Amino acid sequence: MPVPSGIPAPAFEMLDDTNTLRKLSDYRGKNIVLYFYPKDDTPGCTKEACNFRDDYSAYEKAGVVILGVSPDSVESHVKFKKKFQLQFPLLADDEHKVADLYGVWGPKKFMGKSYVGVLRTTFLIDTEGNIKKVYEDVRPAEHSRELLAEFGLS
């Protein structure tokens, strides 16, 4: 179960695609879209990231920070970001500690196989560092537009 809305967002530190340590506290005073996705350069994750990329100017204009998190390495994030010209940080949670902390590491099924991995989930974090809203079972193709509507940007 993901951590619920209405509570302080769990603090984290992760390296981003530039090998810079990013902390949640670095973004205090800003609205944050913290989105967890399973894997770089896979169909659904690419669709979701590219939609954020295509809508990025609207988020930026509104002062909303987008942070993508997956269990991929910094090196994988560098390739993914460059290949699709993503403008926002991708954070490497390669030991899935932050996914565990946010309650989004769990059992999944794909093509009849069971395994454990990231449950595609997004957290809206407000300027005070509290979780405003949680989106579970995100549909990658529609998610960015859904969030823009949440911020009154669509």
Protein backbone atom coordinates (compact mmCIF):
# COMPACT_ATOMS: atom_id res chain seq x y z
CA MET A 1 0.00 0.00 0.00
CA PRO A 2 1.37 3.42 -0.88
CA VAL A 3 1.72 5.96 1.88
CA PRO A 4 -1.52 7.93 2.10
CA SER A 5 -2.28 11.54 1.30
CA GLY A 6 -2.49 14.08 4.10
CA ILE A 7 0.80 13.19 5.77
CA PRO A 8 4.35 14.51 5.38
CA ALA A 9 6.12 12.93 2.43
CA PRO A 10 8.87 10.57 3.57
CA ALA A 11 12.31 12.19 3.27
CA PHE A 12 14.71 10.72 0.73
CA GLU A 13 18.13 11.11 -0.84
CA MET A 14 18.97 9.63 -4.25
CA LEU A 15 21.47 10.25 -7.01
CA ASP A 16 20.04 11.72 -10.18
CA ASP A 17 21.06 11.27 -13.80
CA THR A 18 23.89 13.81 -13.34
CA ASN A 19 25.22 11.91 -10.29
CA THR A 20 24.00 14.74 -8.05
CA LEU A 21 22.51 13.82 -4.67
CA ARG A 22 18.90 15.01 -4.59
CA LYS A 23 16.89 15.34 -1.39
CA LEU A 24 13.19 15.93 -0.98
CA SER A 25 14.04 18.91 1.21
CA ASP A 26 15.80 20.55 -1.77
CA TYR A 27 12.34 21.23 -3.21
CA ARG A 28 10.65 22.74 -0.16
CA GLY A 29 8.32 25.55 -1.25
CA LYS A 30 7.51 23.91 -4.58
CA ASN A 31 4.77 21.57 -5.72
CA ILE A 32 6.26 18.24 -6.73
CA VAL A 33 5.16 15.43 -9.02
CA LEU A 34 7.08 12.43 -7.65
CA TYR A 35 6.41 9.59 -10.04
CA PHE A 36 7.63 6.03 -9.61
CA TYR A 37 7.98 3.94 -12.75
CA PRO A 38 9.24 0.40 -13.29
CA LYS A 39 12.02 0.62 -15.90
CA ASP A 40 13.81 3.00 -18.26
CA ASP A 41 13.19 2.66 -21.99
CA THR A 42 10.23 0.26 -21.81
CA PRO A 43 6.99 1.05 -23.67
CA GLY A 44 4.77 2.29 -20.81
CA CYS A 45 7.56 4.09 -18.97
CA THR A 46 8.74 5.79 -22.15
CA LYS A 47 5.19 6.92 -22.97
CA GLU A 48 4.75 8.35 -19.47
CA ALA A 49 8.12 10.14 -19.49
CA CYS A 50 7.62 11.55 -22.99
CA ASN A 51 4.20 12.91 -22.05
CA PHE A 52 5.78 14.69 -19.08
CA ARG A 53 8.46 15.96 -21.49
CA ASP A 54 5.86 17.22 -23.97
CA ASP A 55 3.90 18.99 -21.21
CA TYR A 56 6.99 20.17 -19.34
CA SER A 57 6.66 23.86 -20.19
CA ALA A 58 3.22 24.00 -18.53
CA TYR A 59 4.59 22.41 -15.36
CA GLU A 60 7.64 24.67 -15.40
CA LYS A 61 5.52 27.80 -15.91
CA ALA A 62 3.43 26.81 -12.87
CA GLY A 63 6.56 26.13 -10.79
CA VAL A 64 5.83 22.39 -10.51
CA VAL A 65 8.86 20.11 -10.19
CA ILE A 66 8.79 16.68 -11.85
CA LEU A 67 10.95 13.91 -10.38
CA GLY A 68 11.01 10.44 -11.92
CA VAL A 69 12.11 7.50 -9.76
CA SER A 70 12.93 3.94 -10.82
CA PRO A 71 15.25 1.18 -9.65
CA ASP A 72 17.49 1.75 -12.67
CA SER A 73 21.10 2.90 -12.30
CA VAL A 74 22.40 6.42 -12.86
CA GLU A 75 23.97 5.19 -16.12
CA SER A 76 20.63 3.81 -17.34
CA HIS A 77 18.94 7.12 -16.50
CA VAL A 78 21.60 9.04 -18.44
CA LYS A 79 20.90 7.00 -21.59
CA PHE A 80 17.10 7.16 -21.17
CA LYS A 81 17.11 10.90 -20.55
CA LYS A 82 19.38 11.60 -23.50
CA LYS A 83 17.54 9.28 -25.90
CA PHE A 84 14.17 10.95 -25.23
CA GLN A 85 15.41 14.48 -24.39
CA LEU A 86 13.80 14.54 -20.95
CA GLN A 87 14.14 17.86 -19.11
CA PHE A 88 13.51 16.69 -15.53
CA PRO A 89 15.64 14.70 -13.07
CA LEU A 90 15.50 10.92 -13.00
CA LEU A 91 16.43 9.51 -9.60
CA ALA A 92 18.19 6.17 -9.15
CA ASP A 93 16.56 4.02 -6.47
CA ASP A 94 18.66 1.00 -7.39
CA GLU A 95 18.16 -0.72 -4.03
CA HIS A 96 14.44 0.24 -4.03
CA LYS A 97 14.76 1.79 -0.55
CA VAL A 98 12.66 4.83 -1.48
CA ALA A 99 10.09 2.70 -3.29
CA ASP A 100 9.82 0.64 -0.08
CA LEU A 101 9.56 3.83 1.98
CA TYR A 102 6.68 5.08 -0.19
CA GLY A 103 5.01 1.65 -0.28
CA VAL A 104 5.31 1.19 -4.03
CA TRP A 105 7.57 -1.87 -4.18
CA GLY A 106 5.45 -4.98 -4.31
CA PRO A 107 4.07 -8.02 -6.12
CA LYS A 108 3.21 -7.68 -9.80
CA LYS A 109 2.10 -9.92 -12.64
CA PHE A 110 3.04 -9.66 -16.28
CA MET A 111 2.18 -12.20 -18.96
CA GLY A 112 1.29 -14.79 -16.33
CA LYS A 113 4.52 -14.39 -14.36
CA SER A 114 4.67 -13.09 -10.80
CA TYR A 115 7.54 -10.96 -9.60
CA VAL A 116 8.31 -8.02 -7.32
CA GLY A 117 8.90 -4.52 -8.63
CA VAL A 118 7.80 -0.89 -8.72
CA LEU A 119 4.06 -0.32 -8.70
CA ARG A 120 3.52 2.62 -11.06
CA THR A 121 2.40 5.34 -8.63
CA THR A 122 2.57 9.13 -8.46
CA PHE A 123 2.58 11.36 -5.40
CA LEU A 124 1.67 15.05 -5.53
CA ILE A 125 3.63 16.78 -2.80
CA ASP A 126 2.64 20.30 -1.80
CA THR A 127 4.84 23.28 -0.97
CA GLU A 128 4.89 22.29 2.71
CA GLY A 129 6.20 18.80 1.94
CA ASN A 130 2.91 16.98 2.53
CA ILE A 131 1.40 14.38 0.25
CA LYS A 132 -1.57 16.07 -1.36
CA LYS A 133 -2.74 13.21 -3.58
CA VAL A 134 -1.73 9.67 -4.53
CA TYR A 135 -2.32 8.17 -7.97
CA GLU A 136 -2.17 4.36 -8.09
CA ASP A 137 -2.30 2.09 -11.14
CA VAL A 138 -1.35 5.00 -13.35
CA ARG A 139 -2.20 4.83 -17.05
CA PRO A 140 1.01 6.11 -18.68
CA ALA A 141 -0.58 7.53 -21.84
CA GLU A 142 -3.02 9.75 -19.93
CA HIS A 143 -1.24 10.51 -16.70
CA SER A 144 0.44 13.83 -17.49
CA ARG A 145 -2.85 15.33 -18.73
CA GLU A 146 -4.55 14.05 -15.58
CA LEU A 147 -1.97 15.86 -13.45
CA LEU A 148 -2.17 19.05 -15.49
CA ALA A 149 -5.90 19.08 -14.79
CA GLU A 150 -5.18 18.61 -11.07
CA PHE A 151 -3.03 21.75 -11.13
CA GLY A 152 -5.60 23.61 -13.25
CA LEU A 153 -3.16 23.77 -16.16
CA SER A 154 -5.13 22.00 -18.89
